[in-house]
Amino acid sequence: MIAGCLVAFVSTIGSAVAKTYGGYMAARFFQGWGVGPASSVGLQMLQDIYFEHERGQKVGIWTLAIDTGLLFGPLIGGFAALVSTEFVAWLTAIFFGVLLLSMIFFLPETAFPRRELVENGLSKQDSNSSVPPTVRSPPFINLFPIQGLRHPKPWDTTVRFIRMFAYPNVVISIMFYCWTWYWFILCVITMIPAAYPTYSPQHQGLLFLGLITGTIIAEIFFSGTLSDHLVAYISRTRSKPRTPEMRLWLFWPAAFLTAVGLALFGVAIQFNWHWAVVQVGMAIFGFGVQVGNTTTMAYAVDCHPDHAMDVTVFYSFHLNLSAFASPFFIVPWVAVSGWAWCFGAQALIVMACATLAVGVLQVFGERMRERSGPLPWLPAI
């Protein structure tokens, strides 16, 4: 993750000083490459240090960082552009530099040989001793593999990503969310400048406050922590062990609020309603997207908790690809259908696909997990 941040830092500086379009695009390619490791390593670190009953809350904070990062970018960038367009890249490089130093000096290694400790440590423990076996922490600066950990081969990530398609719980939950729900957030973001073409970049950046507010409120009060409480409540009242499917109930209000927000956004722009109404629609939409995002990842990791990194790689691929795809079709869609019909259709797609996918997971999810079984490969850590 540190190496990836270093690549992103250097390539962002390259994008700031690039003089040609080709050079700029090359720098952006390496910038995207550099930020990739954090998408998977970050969630694995949460899996290393937190318990199962905390998973919803911690995954929620992780997804909150992803979603608010996407939204704060245009808000901050609008004001950074007052200096110059190049300063937007320089400011991003500053952020990467601060992040790089923070990881080097304040982020300890969380990986440890858990499997070896469980399988071998207890057997080596003195039967008369009540003190559990311990694992010595690696040095602060460690350039060597950690003893007892299985380190993957360079091609393992690609192979495991392909093999993950054989596990329907992960495939349905992640692909349903990314390709029929999340990618519409980029439709809204892409079309905000077109909705208010006379506004300055600074004013257009401020229009993201609705999305930011809804996203933050969702995570603080109604998303990850509520997911943990919901699982505990269902397990206690039904006198059954915790199962991943107990988290799925949050999908229903999340999908409904997402649909309401999309429809209100499209209608308000179509009929020139006050900008405050548009902001309300965007806040409701952001609220639903955040709850859906947290529920998706918490459920997928619950299904295969020992393979959080493999699940996250599968999630990150589809999330980013869907986000990059939506700007290609939203402009002609709005031009042909109009704002109200376009975003109203998106609302219907979210509700219809949620009804189908979540219904299948709630009814057949446990049986699908039992039939597909655990992932056959050993986790990387």
Protein backbone atom coordinates (compact mmCIF):
# COMPACT_ATOMS: atom_id res chain seq x y z
CA MET A 1 0.00 0.00 0.00
CA ILE A 2 2.91 2.33 0.73
CA ALA A 3 4.46 1.54 -2.66
CA GLY A 4 1.14 2.23 -4.36
CA CYS A 5 0.82 5.59 -2.62
CA LEU A 6 4.35 6.48 -3.72
CA VAL A 7 3.45 5.66 -7.35
CA ALA A 8 0.29 7.77 -7.07
CA PHE A 9 2.27 10.66 -5.53
CA VAL A 10 4.90 10.70 -8.28
CA SER A 11 2.39 10.25 -11.11
CA THR A 12 0.19 13.07 -9.75
CA ILE A 13 3.20 15.39 -9.92
CA GLY A 14 3.68 14.13 -13.47
CA SER A 15 0.10 15.07 -14.36
CA ALA A 16 0.67 18.57 -12.97
CA VAL A 17 3.76 19.23 -15.12
CA ALA A 18 2.63 17.35 -18.25
CA LYS A 19 2.79 19.47 -21.40
CA THR A 20 1.03 17.09 -23.81
CA TYR A 21 -2.22 15.17 -23.72
CA GLY A 22 -0.37 11.87 -24.09
CA GLY A 23 1.91 12.65 -21.16
CA TYR A 24 -1.04 13.68 -19.02
CA MET A 25 -2.94 10.47 -19.79
CA ALA A 26 0.14 8.36 -19.06
CA ALA A 27 0.48 10.06 -15.67
CA ARG A 28 -3.22 9.45 -14.97
CA PHE A 29 -2.80 5.77 -15.84
CA PHE A 30 -0.07 5.35 -13.24
CA GLN A 31 -2.07 7.42 -10.79
CA GLY A 32 -4.94 4.95 -11.04
CA TRP A 33 -2.52 2.07 -10.79
CA GLY A 34 -1.00 3.52 -7.65
CA VAL A 35 -4.24 3.96 -5.73
CA GLY A 36 -5.36 0.40 -6.52
CA PRO A 37 -3.66 -1.44 -3.61
CA ALA A 38 -5.42 0.66 -0.98
CA SER A 39 -8.78 -0.57 -2.28
CA SER A 40 -8.07 -4.12 -1.15
CA VAL A 41 -5.42 -3.82 1.56
CA GLY A 42 -7.43 -1.35 3.61
CA LEU A 43 -10.36 -3.68 4.20
CA GLN A 44 -8.03 -6.59 4.93
CA MET A 45 -6.44 -4.51 7.67
CA LEU A 46 -9.85 -3.95 9.23
CA GLN A 47 -10.42 -7.69 9.09
CA ASP A 48 -7.09 -8.20 10.87
CA ILE A 49 -7.83 -6.03 13.88
CA TYR A 50 -11.60 -6.00 14.49
CA PHE A 51 -14.12 -8.63 15.58
CA GLU A 52 -17.07 -10.01 13.62
CA HIS A 53 -19.65 -8.09 15.64
CA GLU A 54 -17.88 -4.83 14.69
CA ARG A 55 -17.64 -5.60 10.99
CA GLY A 56 -20.62 -3.55 9.84
CA GLN A 57 -19.44 -0.39 11.58
CA LYS A 58 -15.83 -0.66 10.42
CA VAL A 59 -16.74 -1.57 6.84
CA GLY A 60 -19.17 1.34 6.90
CA ILE A 61 -16.39 3.77 7.80
CA TRP A 62 -14.28 2.28 5.00
CA THR A 63 -17.04 2.70 2.41
CA LEU A 64 -17.77 6.19 3.77
CA ALA A 65 -14.19 7.15 2.94
CA ILE A 66 -14.64 5.84 -0.60
CA ASP A 67 -17.93 7.65 -1.19
CA THR A 68 -17.09 10.96 0.46
CA GLY A 69 -13.70 11.01 -1.25
CA LEU A 70 -15.52 10.85 -4.56
CA LEU A 71 -17.76 13.76 -3.50
CA PHE A 72 -15.28 16.04 -1.76
CA GLY A 73 -13.05 16.01 -4.86
CA PRO A 74 -15.29 18.27 -6.97
CA LEU A 75 -16.06 20.48 -3.95
CA ILE A 76 -12.40 21.13 -3.15
CA GLY A 77 -11.34 21.10 -6.80
CA GLY A 78 -13.75 23.89 -7.67
CA PHE A 79 -11.98 26.26 -5.29
CA ALA A 80 -8.51 24.96 -6.10
CA ALA A 81 -9.17 25.86 -9.73
CA LEU A 82 -9.30 29.54 -8.69
CA VAL A 83 -5.49 29.37 -8.51
CA SER A 84 -5.03 27.43 -11.75
CA THR A 85 -6.06 24.16 -13.32
CA GLU A 86 -2.59 22.78 -12.61
CA PHE A 87 -2.95 23.60 -8.92
CA VAL A 88 -5.73 21.00 -8.66
CA ALA A 89 -3.14 18.33 -9.46
CA TRP A 90 -0.55 19.92 -7.16
CA LEU A 91 -3.04 19.97 -4.29
CA THR A 92 -3.78 16.30 -4.91
CA ALA A 93 -0.04 15.58 -4.85
CA ILE A 94 0.18 17.35 -1.49
CA PHE A 95 -2.58 15.13 -0.13
CA PHE A 96 -0.78 12.04 -1.42
CA GLY A 97 2.46 13.22 0.16
CA VAL A 98 0.84 13.75 3.56
CA LEU A 99 -0.85 10.36 3.28
CA LEU A 100 2.43 8.67 2.34
CA LEU A 101 4.24 10.11 5.35
CA SER A 102 1.32 9.22 7.63
CA MET A 103 1.40 5.58 6.51
CA ILE A 104 5.18 5.33 6.90
CA PHE A 105 5.29 6.74 10.42
CA PHE A 106 1.87 6.01 11.94
CA LEU A 107 0.44 2.89 10.28
CA PRO A 108 1.71 -0.35 11.86
CA GLU A 109 1.68 -3.73 10.14
CA THR A 110 -1.52 -5.60 10.98
CA ALA A 111 -0.77 -8.94 9.31
CA PHE A 112 0.27 -11.78 11.60
CA PRO A 113 0.34 -15.60 11.32
CA ARG A 114 -3.13 -16.17 12.74
CA ARG A 115 -3.55 -19.60 11.15
CA GLU A 116 -0.18 -20.84 12.39
CA LEU A 117 -0.94 -19.57 15.88
CA VAL A 118 -4.27 -21.39 15.99
CA GLU A 119 -3.07 -24.63 14.42
CA ASN A 120 0.42 -24.93 15.90
CA GLY A 121 0.73 -22.45 18.72
CA LEU A 122 -1.83 -24.07 20.98
CA SER A 123 -0.32 -27.51 20.50
CA LYS A 124 3.10 -26.20 21.53
CA GLN A 125 1.72 -24.46 24.59
CA ASP A 126 2.57 -25.98 27.96
CA SER A 127 -0.51 -27.83 29.16
CA ASN A 128 0.12 -26.56 32.70
CA SER A 129 0.37 -22.95 31.61
CA SER A 130 -2.62 -20.63 31.54
CA VAL A 131 -0.77 -18.05 29.45
CA PRO A 132 -1.76 -18.18 25.75
CA PRO A 133 0.95 -18.24 23.09
CA THR A 134 2.02 -14.89 21.73
CA VAL A 135 3.32 -13.61 18.41
CA ARG A 136 6.24 -11.23 18.29
CA SER A 137 5.51 -8.06 16.32
CA PRO A 138 7.73 -7.35 13.30
CA PRO A 139 10.14 -4.42 13.55
CA PHE A 140 8.85 -0.95 12.72
CA ILE A 141 10.75 -0.97 9.43
CA ASN A 142 10.47 -4.47 7.98
CA LEU A 143 11.65 -5.35 4.47
CA PHE A 144 11.35 -9.12 4.76
CA PRO A 145 8.34 -11.49 4.57
CA ILE A 146 6.65 -12.15 7.90
CA GLN A 147 7.40 -15.66 9.10
CA GLY A 148 4.37 -17.95 9.16
CA LEU A 149 2.39 -16.04 6.52
CA ARG A 150 1.61 -17.46 3.10
CA HIS A 151 2.62 -14.85 0.56
CA PRO A 152 0.72 -15.05 -2.75
CA LYS A 153 2.37 -15.40 -6.13
CA PRO A 154 2.13 -12.45 -8.55
CA TRP A 155 -0.64 -14.10 -10.58
CA ASP A 156 -2.73 -15.30 -7.64
CA THR A 157 -4.88 -12.16 -7.51
CA THR A 158 -5.98 -12.56 -11.13
CA VAL A 159 -6.63 -16.29 -10.79
CA ARG A 160 -8.66 -15.82 -7.61
CA PHE A 161 -10.65 -12.99 -9.15
CA ILE A 162 -11.73 -15.29 -12.00
CA ARG A 163 -12.48 -18.19 -9.65
CA MET A 164 -14.65 -15.90 -7.50
CA PHE A 165 -17.34 -16.00 -10.21
CA ALA A 166 -18.15 -19.54 -9.02
CA TYR A 167 -19.45 -18.20 -5.66
CA PRO A 168 -22.94 -16.79 -6.23
CA ASN A 169 -23.36 -14.96 -2.93
CA VAL A 170 -20.40 -12.72 -3.65
CA VAL A 171 -21.18 -12.39 -7.36
CA ILE A 172 -24.86 -11.52 -6.94
CA SER A 173 -24.42 -9.05 -4.10
CA ILE A 174 -21.47 -7.16 -5.58
CA MET A 175 -22.43 -7.16 -9.27
CA PHE A 176 -26.04 -6.29 -8.50
CA TYR A 177 -24.98 -3.33 -6.40
CA CYS A 178 -22.23 -2.04 -8.70
CA TRP A 179 -23.97 -2.48 -12.06
CA THR A 180 -27.58 -1.63 -11.22
CA TRP A 181 -27.21 0.82 -8.34
CA TYR A 182 -23.86 2.41 -7.58
CA TRP A 183 -22.99 3.45 -11.12
CA PHE A 184 -25.92 5.88 -11.13
CA ILE A 185 -24.06 8.08 -8.63
CA LEU A 186 -21.64 8.92 -11.44
CA CYS A 187 -24.63 9.77 -13.63
CA VAL A 188 -25.68 12.40 -11.10
CA ILE A 189 -22.13 13.69 -10.63
CA THR A 190 -21.49 13.87 -14.39
CA MET A 191 -24.69 15.80 -15.10
CA ILE A 192 -24.47 18.43 -12.34
CA PRO A 193 -22.45 20.84 -14.54
CA ALA A 194 -24.96 20.31 -17.37
CA ALA A 195 -27.86 20.99 -15.00
CA TYR A 196 -26.33 24.31 -13.93
CA PRO A 197 -24.19 25.40 -16.91
CA THR A 198 -24.13 29.08 -15.91
CA TYR A 199 -22.77 28.38 -12.45
CA SER A 200 -19.06 28.86 -11.74
CA PRO A 201 -16.91 25.82 -10.86
CA GLN A 202 -16.99 26.94 -7.25
CA HIS A 203 -20.81 27.05 -7.15
CA GLN A 204 -21.00 23.70 -8.95
CA GLY A 205 -18.67 22.26 -6.32
CA LEU A 206 -20.95 23.50 -3.54
CA LEU A 207 -23.83 21.58 -5.13
CA PHE A 208 -22.14 18.38 -3.94
CA LEU A 209 -22.94 19.30 -0.33
CA GLY A 210 -26.32 17.55 -0.62
CA LEU A 211 -24.69 14.25 -1.56
CA ILE A 212 -22.03 14.68 1.12
CA THR A 213 -24.59 15.44 3.83
CA GLY A 214 -26.79 12.46 2.98
CA THR A 215 -23.82 10.11 2.81
CA ILE A 216 -22.39 11.17 6.19
CA ILE A 217 -25.77 11.07 7.98
CA ALA A 218 -26.41 7.60 6.58
CA GLU A 219 -23.18 6.17 7.94
CA ILE A 220 -23.24 7.89 11.31
CA PHE A 221 -26.80 6.91 12.24
CA PHE A 222 -28.21 4.26 9.95
CA SER A 223 -25.65 2.15 8.12
CA GLY A 224 -22.76 0.09 9.50
CA THR A 225 -23.53 0.33 13.22
CA LEU A 226 -27.23 -0.29 12.59
CA SER A 227 -26.26 -3.32 10.52
CA ASP A 228 -24.34 -4.79 13.46
CA HIS A 229 -27.24 -4.12 15.84
CA LEU A 230 -29.68 -5.63 13.37
CA VAL A 231 -27.71 -8.87 13.08
CA ALA A 232 -27.37 -9.11 16.86
CA TYR A 233 -31.10 -8.44 17.35
CA ILE A 234 -32.26 -11.01 14.78
CA SER A 235 -29.85 -13.60 16.13
CA ARG A 236 -31.01 -13.02 19.70
CA THR A 237 -34.75 -12.93 19.04
CA ARG A 238 -34.70 -16.01 16.78
CA SER A 239 -32.21 -17.87 18.98
CA LYS A 240 -30.10 -18.63 15.91
CA PRO A 241 -26.42 -18.11 15.15
CA ARG A 242 -25.40 -15.02 13.20
CA THR A 243 -25.64 -15.39 9.43
CA PRO A 244 -24.66 -12.99 6.62
CA GLU A 245 -28.26 -12.90 5.35
CA MET A 246 -29.36 -11.09 8.51
CA ARG A 247 -27.70 -7.93 7.15
CA LEU A 248 -29.72 -7.93 3.94
CA TRP A 249 -32.79 -6.25 5.43
CA LEU A 250 -31.08 -2.86 5.17
CA PHE A 251 -31.06 -3.19 1.37
CA TRP A 252 -34.81 -2.52 1.21
CA PRO A 253 -34.94 1.01 2.70
CA ALA A 254 -31.66 1.84 0.99
CA ALA A 255 -33.00 0.91 -2.46
CA PHE A 256 -36.27 2.78 -1.87
CA LEU A 257 -34.52 5.97 -0.76
CA THR A 258 -32.07 5.76 -3.66
CA ALA A 259 -34.99 5.51 -6.09
CA VAL A 260 -36.79 8.46 -4.46
CA GLY A 261 -33.65 10.57 -4.61
CA LEU A 262 -33.00 9.78 -8.27
CA ALA A 263 -36.57 10.54 -9.30
CA LEU A 264 -36.68 13.80 -7.32
CA PHE A 265 -33.34 14.90 -8.78
CA GLY A 266 -34.49 14.31 -12.37
CA VAL A 267 -37.92 15.92 -11.96
CA ALA A 268 -36.52 18.95 -10.14
CA ILE A 269 -33.99 19.63 -12.92
CA GLN A 270 -36.53 18.98 -15.69
CA PHE A 271 -39.05 21.50 -14.32
CA ASN A 272 -36.54 24.05 -13.02
CA TRP A 273 -37.44 23.68 -9.36
CA HIS A 274 -35.45 25.52 -6.72
CA TRP A 275 -31.89 24.29 -6.23
CA ALA A 276 -32.72 23.42 -2.62
CA VAL A 277 -35.16 20.76 -3.84
CA VAL A 278 -32.40 19.30 -5.99
CA GLN A 279 -30.15 19.22 -2.93
CA VAL A 280 -32.79 17.34 -0.95
CA GLY A 281 -33.06 14.78 -3.74
CA MET A 282 -29.28 14.39 -3.88
CA ALA A 283 -29.07 13.98 -0.08
CA ILE A 284 -31.72 11.24 -0.13
CA PHE A 285 -29.93 9.56 -3.03
CA GLY A 286 -26.55 9.74 -1.27
CA PHE A 287 -28.11 8.31 1.88
CA GLY A 288 -29.41 5.26 0.01
CA VAL A 289 -26.18 4.67 -1.91
CA GLN A 290 -24.09 4.72 1.28
CA VAL A 291 -26.34 2.27 3.15
CA GLY A 292 -26.35 -0.01 0.11
CA ASN A 293 -22.57 0.15 -0.22
CA THR A 294 -21.93 -0.75 3.41
CA THR A 295 -24.50 -3.56 3.35
CA THR A 296 -22.99 -5.02 0.18
CA MET A 297 -19.45 -5.22 1.49
CA ALA A 298 -20.39 -6.32 5.00
CA TYR A 299 -22.48 -9.15 3.54
CA ALA A 300 -19.83 -10.25 1.04
CA VAL A 301 -17.09 -10.33 3.68
CA ASP A 302 -19.42 -12.14 6.10
CA CYS A 303 -19.78 -14.90 3.51
CA HIS A 304 -15.99 -15.45 3.31
CA PRO A 305 -14.39 -13.67 6.29
CA ASP A 306 -11.00 -15.35 5.86
CA HIS A 307 -10.71 -14.04 2.31
CA ALA A 308 -11.53 -10.37 2.80
CA MET A 309 -8.80 -9.26 0.38
CA ASP A 310 -10.02 -11.55 -2.42
CA VAL A 311 -13.60 -10.35 -1.92
CA THR A 312 -12.44 -6.73 -1.92
CA VAL A 313 -10.51 -7.16 -5.16
CA PHE A 314 -13.66 -8.50 -6.81
CA TYR A 315 -15.66 -5.59 -5.37
CA SER A 316 -13.14 -2.90 -6.33
CA PHE A 317 -12.91 -4.10 -9.92
CA HIS A 318 -16.67 -3.93 -10.49
CA LEU A 319 -17.18 -0.74 -8.48
CA ASN A 320 -14.53 1.21 -10.38
CA LEU A 321 -15.38 -0.22 -13.79
CA SER A 322 -19.08 0.58 -13.35
CA ALA A 323 -18.25 4.11 -12.19
CA PHE A 324 -16.05 4.76 -15.21
CA ALA A 325 -18.64 3.32 -17.60
CA SER A 326 -21.66 5.42 -16.65
CA PRO A 327 -20.42 8.83 -17.94
CA PHE A 328 -20.24 7.34 -21.45
CA PHE A 329 -23.99 6.78 -21.73
CA ILE A 330 -25.66 9.29 -19.40
CA VAL A 331 -25.28 12.36 -21.65
CA PRO A 332 -27.00 10.86 -24.73
CA TRP A 333 -29.60 9.22 -22.47
CA VAL A 334 -30.60 12.58 -20.97
CA ALA A 335 -30.55 14.21 -24.41
CA VAL A 336 -32.96 11.62 -25.82
CA SER A 337 -35.28 11.00 -22.86
CA GLY A 338 -35.08 14.19 -20.80
CA TRP A 339 -34.07 14.55 -17.17
CA ALA A 340 -37.25 13.28 -15.53
CA TRP A 341 -37.62 10.13 -17.64
CA CYS A 342 -33.91 9.35 -17.55
CA PHE A 343 -33.49 9.50 -13.78
CA GLY A 344 -36.97 8.09 -13.21
CA ALA A 345 -35.95 5.05 -15.26
CA GLN A 346 -32.83 4.71 -13.13
CA ALA A 347 -35.03 4.71 -10.02
CA LEU A 348 -37.12 1.90 -11.47
CA ILE A 349 -34.00 -0.08 -12.38
CA VAL A 350 -32.69 0.18 -8.80
CA MET A 351 -35.98 -0.99 -7.27
CA ALA A 352 -36.56 -3.80 -9.77
CA CYS A 353 -33.04 -5.21 -9.52
CA ALA A 354 -32.99 -4.86 -5.74
CA THR A 355 -36.25 -6.78 -5.48
CA LEU A 356 -34.86 -9.59 -7.62
CA ALA A 357 -31.30 -9.80 -6.26
CA VAL A 358 -32.02 -9.22 -2.57
CA GLY A 359 -35.01 -11.54 -2.70
CA VAL A 360 -32.87 -14.32 -4.15
CA LEU A 361 -30.17 -13.81 -1.51
CA GLN A 362 -32.64 -13.74 1.38
CA VAL A 363 -34.47 -16.87 0.25
CA PHE A 364 -31.62 -18.93 -1.20
CA GLY A 365 -28.47 -17.26 0.16
CA GLU A 366 -27.73 -19.71 2.95
CA ARG A 367 -28.32 -22.71 0.70
CA MET A 368 -26.10 -21.22 -2.01
CA ARG A 369 -23.29 -20.72 0.50
CA GLU A 370 -23.59 -24.30 1.72
CA ARG A 371 -23.66 -25.66 -1.82
CA SER A 372 -20.69 -23.64 -3.10
CA GLY A 373 -18.72 -24.21 0.11
CA PRO A 374 -15.73 -22.24 1.35
CA LEU A 375 -13.16 -20.81 -1.01
CA PRO A 376 -10.75 -23.67 -1.77
CA TRP A 377 -7.53 -21.69 -1.61
CA LEU A 378 -5.77 -20.62 1.56
CA PRO A 379 -6.00 -16.94 2.39
CA ALA A 380 -2.93 -14.89 1.63
CA ILE A 381 -2.60 -13.96 5.30
